[in-house]
Amino acid sequence: MIQAPHSPDDGARSRTEVALYIAELAAELTKMARSHRLDALGFILDMARLEAENAAKPLQGRVSATRSASRPSGRADPGSDDRQ
């Protein structure tokens, strides 16, 4: 069994610790759901795992990844003129 990062009353949990703990729990629950052919539930739990893992990453890494992912691939920079 996965152990909680600290007791709920001590206030010592960091956001990263909690997010990683949730990611671990969601991964276990995903396996359980899928092994019992609860596919939709497994999918939702896997999305929760991914979100928790993303929340555990530093903010700067998420912002730059979001910016690069939002630019359509194969398109030139807005200032360039690729007409010939």
Protein backbone atom coordinates (compact mmCIF):
# COMPACT_ATOMS: atom_id res chain seq x y z
CA MET A 1 0.00 0.00 0.00
CA ILE A 2 1.21 3.51 -0.81
CA GLN A 3 1.87 5.61 2.25
CA ALA A 4 0.50 9.15 2.50
CA PRO A 5 3.16 11.88 2.46
CA HIS A 6 2.32 13.03 6.03
CA SER A 7 -0.61 13.04 8.38
CA PRO A 8 -3.39 15.45 7.39
CA ASP A 9 -2.95 17.57 10.50
CA ASP A 10 0.75 18.42 10.34
CA GLY A 11 0.53 20.84 7.38
CA ALA A 12 3.92 19.66 6.11
CA ARG A 13 2.70 18.31 2.78
CA SER A 14 3.93 20.18 -0.23
CA ARG A 15 1.86 20.53 -3.36
CA THR A 16 4.35 18.30 -5.20
CA GLU A 17 4.19 15.55 -2.57
CA VAL A 18 0.42 15.48 -2.65
CA ALA A 19 0.29 15.49 -6.45
CA LEU A 20 2.76 12.59 -6.66
CA TYR A 21 0.81 10.65 -4.03
CA ILE A 22 -2.42 11.15 -5.97
CA ALA A 23 -0.66 10.06 -9.18
CA GLU A 24 0.48 6.82 -7.53
CA LEU A 25 -2.98 6.08 -6.17
CA ALA A 26 -4.61 6.84 -9.52
CA ALA A 27 -2.16 4.50 -11.28
CA GLU A 28 -3.10 1.65 -8.93
CA LEU A 29 -6.81 2.35 -9.34
CA THR A 30 -6.39 2.49 -13.13
CA LYS A 31 -4.86 -1.00 -13.13
CA MET A 32 -7.65 -2.29 -10.91
CA ALA A 33 -10.38 -0.79 -13.11
CA ARG A 34 -8.87 -2.11 -16.33
CA SER A 35 -8.29 -5.58 -14.92
CA HIS A 36 -12.03 -5.75 -14.26
CA ARG A 37 -12.91 -4.41 -17.71
CA LEU A 38 -14.10 -1.06 -16.38
CA ASP A 39 -12.60 0.68 -19.38
CA ALA A 40 -14.25 4.10 -19.09
CA LEU A 41 -13.37 4.30 -15.41
CA GLY A 42 -9.81 3.21 -16.18
CA PHE A 43 -9.54 5.96 -18.78
CA ILE A 44 -10.80 8.64 -16.38
CA LEU A 45 -8.44 7.46 -13.63
CA ASP A 46 -5.53 7.50 -16.06
CA MET A 47 -6.38 11.10 -16.98
CA ALA A 48 -6.37 11.93 -13.26
CA ARG A 49 -2.92 10.32 -12.98
CA LEU A 50 -1.59 12.39 -15.88
CA GLU A 51 -3.04 15.59 -14.42
CA ALA A 52 -1.49 14.85 -11.02
CA GLU A 53 1.91 14.16 -12.61
CA ASN A 54 1.64 17.41 -14.54
CA ALA A 55 0.75 19.30 -11.35
CA ALA A 56 3.88 17.91 -9.70
CA LYS A 57 6.13 19.45 -12.35
CA PRO A 58 7.55 22.95 -11.91
CA LEU A 59 5.32 25.69 -13.31
CA GLN A 60 7.95 27.00 -15.72
CA GLY A 61 8.26 23.62 -17.44
CA ARG A 62 4.49 23.43 -17.93
CA VAL A 63 4.21 26.95 -19.37
CA SER A 64 6.89 26.44 -22.03
CA ALA A 65 5.47 23.03 -22.95
CA THR A 66 2.00 24.51 -23.32
CA ARG A 67 3.26 27.30 -25.55
CA SER A 68 5.15 24.95 -27.87
CA ALA A 69 2.22 22.53 -28.01
CA SER A 70 -0.24 25.29 -28.92
CA ARG A 71 1.65 26.33 -32.07
CA PRO A 72 0.37 24.38 -35.10
CA SER A 73 3.06 22.21 -36.61
CA GLY A 74 4.34 22.97 -40.07
CA ARG A 75 3.45 26.65 -39.94
CA ALA A 76 5.94 29.43 -40.36
CA ASP A 77 6.48 32.12 -37.76
CA PRO A 78 3.86 34.86 -38.03
CA GLY A 79 6.42 37.43 -39.22
CA SER A 80 7.82 35.38 -42.07
CA ASP A 81 6.50 35.43 -45.60
CA ASP A 82 6.89 32.06 -47.31
CA ARG A 83 5.13 33.00 -50.56
CA GLN A 84 7.22 32.70 -53.68
